[in-house]
Amino acid sequence: MEFRILGPVEATRDDRTRVTLSGTKVTTVLAALLLARGRVVSDGRLADLLWGWSPPVTMGAQIYTYVSRLRKQLGGGAEIQRRLPGYAIRTDGAQVDLVRFEDLAEQGRQSLQDGRFERASDCLREALELWPGNALSNVTEHMAAVELPRLEELRTAAVENKVEADLMLGRHRELVAELTGLVADHPLRERMRAQLMTALCRNGRQAEALQIFHEGRRQLAEELGVDPGAHITRTYQAVLNSELERTPALSRESTLVTI
């Protein structure tokens, strides 16, 4: 069986038929169990993810009902065990897209660290292709609020590492448009902004690279009251000194994000 949470929460049988999961509460329970990687998810934790601060007085019975439905719908594809104080899932032999993503992202990060940039780019591209859209898109708002930030950070870190590998491979022309959109979506991520500055500078657009730095410095001051960090400041100085036009990367230090 294959489980997906990097998009809508879904389960697919070995014969490629999709399991019909009956509603948001059931998909929330499944996602919570999958994210726990076989560890017990307590009834209290499930209640928080299902109902937030206002669980019903019958929450125990309702959780039992959702688990029973999930067991029936999954059939023999996974075993959901009652282990006090909650439930755990065994997915022996099953594929979980998040696990595959993390494995590929780590391979990409390690390859980038080792200077194997082509392999790094390939691994990270394959990892990012596992995200068809917004993760956990069919769970409760309570679960999304708790779990989405961590998952989005994993994805963004993988994007940054892939961009780093592609910059080292001289793909700056193709990266400008992508990075422009990424910086618009993540204006306070300094590493991403420094990557856009690097790509612009290598495309002969030094003035725009400097403008990107000043825009970021203004946003940091207005929203967080802080100055730009050391890495983007070094990138700024490298742009001023025309160093990025001569070298494939500013430096190897502090460029990797552990996923």
Protein backbone atom coordinates (compact mmCIF):
# COMPACT_ATOMS: atom_id res chain seq x y z
CA MET A 1 0.00 0.00 0.00
CA GLU A 2 1.09 3.57 -0.63
CA PHE A 3 0.26 6.49 1.62
CA ARG A 4 0.44 10.15 0.67
CA ILE A 5 0.35 13.19 2.92
CA LEU A 6 2.34 15.67 0.78
CA GLY A 7 -0.87 16.81 -0.85
CA PRO A 8 -4.30 15.38 -0.05
CA VAL A 9 -4.06 12.53 2.46
CA GLU A 10 -4.58 9.40 0.36
CA ALA A 11 -4.05 5.66 0.43
CA THR A 12 -3.58 3.50 -2.65
CA ARG A 13 -3.66 -0.29 -2.74
CA ASP A 14 -1.01 -2.38 -4.44
CA ASP A 15 -3.30 -2.83 -7.45
CA ARG A 16 -3.30 1.01 -7.80
CA THR A 17 -6.93 1.40 -6.72
CA ARG A 18 -7.47 4.31 -4.38
CA VAL A 19 -8.92 3.74 -0.92
CA THR A 20 -12.05 5.76 -0.26
CA LEU A 21 -11.43 7.61 3.01
CA SER A 22 -14.66 8.82 4.56
CA GLY A 23 -14.19 12.46 5.43
CA THR A 24 -11.85 14.98 6.99
CA LYS A 25 -11.86 13.43 10.46
CA VAL A 26 -10.75 10.05 9.12
CA THR A 27 -7.99 11.57 6.97
CA THR A 28 -6.83 13.57 9.99
CA VAL A 29 -6.53 10.41 12.09
CA LEU A 30 -4.62 8.65 9.31
CA ALA A 31 -2.25 11.58 8.82
CA ALA A 32 -1.58 11.83 12.56
CA LEU A 33 -0.73 8.13 12.77
CA LEU A 34 1.51 8.26 9.69
CA LEU A 35 3.38 11.31 10.95
CA ALA A 36 4.05 9.48 14.24
CA ARG A 37 6.04 6.78 12.34
CA GLY A 38 4.70 3.89 14.39
CA ARG A 39 4.74 5.68 17.72
CA VAL A 40 1.60 5.94 19.82
CA VAL A 41 -0.62 8.97 19.23
CA SER A 42 -2.59 9.59 22.40
CA ASP A 43 -6.33 10.12 22.48
CA GLY A 44 -5.66 13.63 23.78
CA ARG A 45 -3.37 14.42 20.87
CA LEU A 46 -5.92 13.10 18.39
CA ALA A 47 -8.62 15.19 20.06
CA ASP A 48 -6.48 18.32 19.71
CA LEU A 49 -5.93 17.63 16.02
CA LEU A 50 -9.58 16.82 15.39
CA TRP A 51 -11.34 19.53 17.41
CA GLY A 52 -8.76 21.98 18.73
CA TRP A 53 -9.62 23.55 22.06
CA SER A 54 -13.25 22.38 22.05
CA PRO A 55 -13.40 18.57 21.96
CA PRO A 56 -16.83 17.00 22.49
CA VAL A 57 -17.58 15.16 25.72
CA THR A 58 -17.88 12.01 23.62
CA MET A 59 -14.44 12.44 22.06
CA GLY A 60 -13.23 8.98 23.09
CA ALA A 61 -16.18 7.27 21.45
CA GLN A 62 -15.89 9.41 18.34
CA ILE A 63 -12.16 8.73 17.99
CA TYR A 64 -12.90 5.01 18.31
CA THR A 65 -15.49 5.35 15.54
CA TYR A 66 -13.05 7.12 13.21
CA VAL A 67 -10.35 4.52 13.88
CA SER A 68 -12.82 1.71 13.22
CA ARG A 69 -13.81 3.27 9.91
CA LEU A 70 -10.18 3.70 8.96
CA ARG A 71 -9.36 0.09 9.78
CA LYS A 72 -12.25 -1.09 7.62
CA GLN A 73 -11.33 1.18 4.72
CA LEU A 74 -7.64 0.25 4.75
CA GLY A 75 -8.35 -3.45 5.06
CA GLY A 76 -5.11 -5.38 5.29
CA GLY A 77 -3.00 -2.53 3.97
CA ALA A 78 -1.98 -1.38 7.42
CA GLU A 79 -2.58 -2.41 11.00
CA ILE A 80 -3.92 0.15 13.46
CA GLN A 81 -3.26 -0.97 17.01
CA ARG A 82 -4.88 0.20 20.22
CA ARG A 83 -1.91 0.91 22.49
CA LEU A 84 -2.69 2.97 25.54
CA PRO A 85 -2.97 5.88 25.82
CA GLY A 86 -3.88 5.98 22.12
CA TYR A 87 -3.30 4.32 18.76
CA ALA A 88 -0.38 3.44 16.50
CA ILE A 89 -0.14 2.30 12.89
CA ARG A 90 2.10 -0.38 11.43
CA THR A 91 2.88 0.13 7.76
CA ASP A 92 5.29 -2.75 7.17
CA GLY A 93 6.09 -2.90 3.48
CA ALA A 94 4.02 0.19 2.69
CA GLN A 95 5.39 3.33 1.06
CA VAL A 96 4.90 6.73 2.66
CA ASP A 97 5.67 9.74 0.47
CA LEU A 98 7.05 11.82 3.36
CA VAL A 99 9.56 9.10 4.25
CA ARG A 100 10.66 8.90 0.61
CA PHE A 101 10.90 12.69 0.43
CA GLU A 102 13.09 12.90 3.52
CA ASP A 103 15.39 10.13 2.26
CA LEU A 104 15.87 11.83 -1.11
CA ALA A 105 16.27 15.27 0.44
CA GLU A 106 18.98 13.97 2.77
CA GLN A 107 20.76 12.25 -0.12
CA GLY A 108 20.63 15.54 -2.01
CA ARG A 109 21.91 17.53 0.95
CA GLN A 110 24.80 15.11 1.49
CA SER A 111 25.67 15.10 -2.22
CA LEU A 112 25.69 18.90 -2.21
CA GLN A 113 28.00 18.88 0.79
CA ASP A 114 30.30 16.41 -0.98
CA GLY A 115 30.45 18.51 -4.15
CA ARG A 116 28.41 16.08 -6.28
CA PHE A 117 26.16 18.80 -7.62
CA GLU A 118 24.50 16.90 -10.47
CA ARG A 119 23.45 14.09 -8.14
CA ALA A 120 22.33 16.63 -5.54
CA SER A 121 20.13 18.41 -8.06
CA ASP A 122 18.64 15.12 -9.30
CA CYS A 123 17.86 13.81 -5.81
CA LEU A 124 16.29 17.06 -4.69
CA ARG A 125 14.26 17.39 -7.90
CA GLU A 126 12.90 13.88 -7.38
CA ALA A 127 12.10 14.70 -3.76
CA LEU A 128 10.23 17.88 -4.65
CA GLU A 129 8.23 16.08 -7.35
CA LEU A 130 6.57 14.13 -4.52
CA TRP A 131 4.68 17.31 -3.55
CA PRO A 132 1.67 17.57 -5.90
CA GLY A 133 0.27 20.55 -4.00
CA ASN A 134 -0.30 21.72 -0.46
CA ALA A 135 0.47 19.03 2.10
CA LEU A 136 -2.36 17.80 4.33
CA SER A 137 -4.90 19.62 2.20
CA ASN A 138 -7.84 17.51 3.39
CA VAL A 139 -7.34 17.43 7.17
CA THR A 140 -8.90 19.61 9.86
CA GLU A 141 -7.76 23.20 10.22
CA HIS A 142 -6.49 22.31 13.69
CA MET A 143 -4.10 19.69 12.34
CA ALA A 144 -3.01 21.90 9.47
CA ALA A 145 -2.14 24.70 11.88
CA VAL A 146 0.04 22.36 13.95
CA GLU A 147 1.77 20.25 11.30
CA LEU A 148 1.96 22.35 8.13
CA PRO A 149 4.68 24.79 9.25
CA ARG A 150 7.14 21.94 9.88
CA LEU A 151 6.37 20.25 6.57
CA GLU A 152 6.62 23.51 4.65
CA GLU A 153 10.00 24.19 6.26
CA LEU A 154 11.23 20.79 5.06
CA ARG A 155 10.06 21.57 1.54
CA THR A 156 11.54 25.08 1.47
CA ALA A 157 14.89 23.83 2.76
CA ALA A 158 14.95 21.24 -0.03
CA VAL A 159 14.14 23.95 -2.59
CA GLU A 160 17.03 26.07 -1.31
CA ASN A 161 19.45 23.15 -1.48
CA LYS A 162 18.36 22.33 -5.03
CA VAL A 163 18.84 25.96 -6.08
CA GLU A 164 22.30 25.87 -4.49
CA ALA A 165 23.22 22.79 -6.52
CA ASP A 166 21.87 24.32 -9.72
CA LEU A 167 23.83 27.53 -9.12
CA MET A 168 26.98 25.45 -8.73
CA LEU A 169 26.13 23.81 -12.07
CA GLY A 170 25.90 27.21 -13.78
CA ARG A 171 22.13 27.19 -14.29
CA HIS A 172 21.70 30.81 -13.23
CA ARG A 173 19.75 31.84 -16.33
CA GLU A 174 16.95 29.36 -15.66
CA LEU A 175 16.89 30.19 -11.95
CA VAL A 176 16.14 33.92 -12.06
CA ALA A 177 12.42 33.57 -12.75
CA GLU A 178 11.99 30.74 -10.24
CA LEU A 179 13.89 32.58 -7.51
CA THR A 180 12.00 35.81 -8.13
CA GLY A 181 8.77 33.98 -7.36
CA LEU A 182 10.26 32.19 -4.37
CA VAL A 183 11.55 35.40 -2.81
CA ALA A 184 8.14 37.01 -3.32
CA ASP A 185 6.59 34.09 -1.44
CA HIS A 186 9.30 33.98 1.26
CA PRO A 187 10.55 37.57 1.58
CA LEU A 188 12.32 37.02 4.91
CA ARG A 189 14.37 33.97 3.89
CA GLU A 190 17.83 35.44 3.50
CA ARG A 191 19.44 32.40 1.92
CA MET A 192 16.88 32.40 -0.88
CA ARG A 193 17.33 36.14 -1.39
CA ALA A 194 21.11 35.70 -1.54
CA GLN A 195 20.62 33.00 -4.17
CA LEU A 196 18.52 35.37 -6.28
CA MET A 197 21.23 38.03 -5.95
CA THR A 198 23.80 35.48 -7.11
CA ALA A 199 21.74 34.40 -10.11
CA LEU A 200 21.07 38.01 -11.13
CA CYS A 201 24.71 38.97 -10.83
CA ARG A 202 25.84 36.05 -12.97
CA ASN A 203 23.33 37.16 -15.58
CA GLY A 204 24.97 40.59 -15.68
CA ARG A 205 22.20 42.26 -13.65
CA GLN A 206 24.29 43.64 -10.81
CA ALA A 207 22.08 46.67 -10.14
CA GLU A 208 19.02 44.45 -9.70
CA ALA A 209 20.96 42.17 -7.37
CA LEU A 210 21.85 45.15 -5.17
CA GLN A 211 18.23 46.30 -5.22
CA ILE A 212 17.10 42.86 -4.03
CA PHE A 213 19.45 43.18 -1.06
CA HIS A 214 18.18 46.62 -0.09
CA GLU A 215 14.56 45.50 -0.37
CA GLY A 216 15.33 42.60 1.95
CA ARG A 217 17.14 44.80 4.43
CA ARG A 218 14.15 47.15 4.55
CA GLN A 219 11.69 44.31 5.10
CA LEU A 220 13.81 42.81 7.88
CA ALA A 221 14.00 46.16 9.63
CA GLU A 222 10.28 46.91 9.28
CA GLU A 223 8.93 43.47 10.16
CA LEU A 224 11.51 42.06 12.56
CA GLY A 225 13.65 44.99 13.60
CA VAL A 226 16.89 43.21 12.67
CA ASP A 227 19.76 43.69 10.23
CA PRO A 228 20.65 41.27 7.42
CA GLY A 229 22.66 38.22 8.45
CA ALA A 230 26.28 37.44 7.71
CA HIS A 231 25.73 35.22 4.66
CA ILE A 232 23.57 37.63 2.65
CA THR A 233 25.82 40.51 3.68
CA ARG A 234 28.82 38.64 2.26
CA THR A 235 26.83 38.04 -0.91
CA TYR A 236 26.10 41.77 -1.10
CA GLN A 237 29.80 42.59 -0.77
CA ALA A 238 30.63 40.02 -3.43
CA VAL A 239 28.14 41.65 -5.80
CA LEU A 240 29.69 45.06 -5.13
CA ASN A 241 33.16 43.68 -5.82
CA SER A 242 32.04 41.76 -8.95
CA GLU A 243 33.28 38.54 -7.36
CA LEU A 244 30.23 36.46 -8.23
CA GLU A 245 30.86 36.91 -11.93
CA ARG A 246 34.18 35.10 -11.60
CA THR A 247 33.39 32.23 -9.25
CA PRO A 248 30.77 29.45 -9.40
CA ALA A 249 29.67 30.16 -5.83
CA LEU A 250 30.40 32.71 -3.15
CA SER A 251 31.59 30.08 -0.69
CA ARG A 252 30.77 26.63 0.59
CA GLU A 253 30.35 27.69 4.21
CA SER A 254 26.91 27.96 5.74
CA THR A 255 25.13 27.09 2.51
CA LEU A 256 23.49 23.80 3.49
CA VAL A 257 20.25 23.30 5.36
CA THR A 258 19.86 19.99 7.19
CA ILE A 259 16.50 18.41 6.43
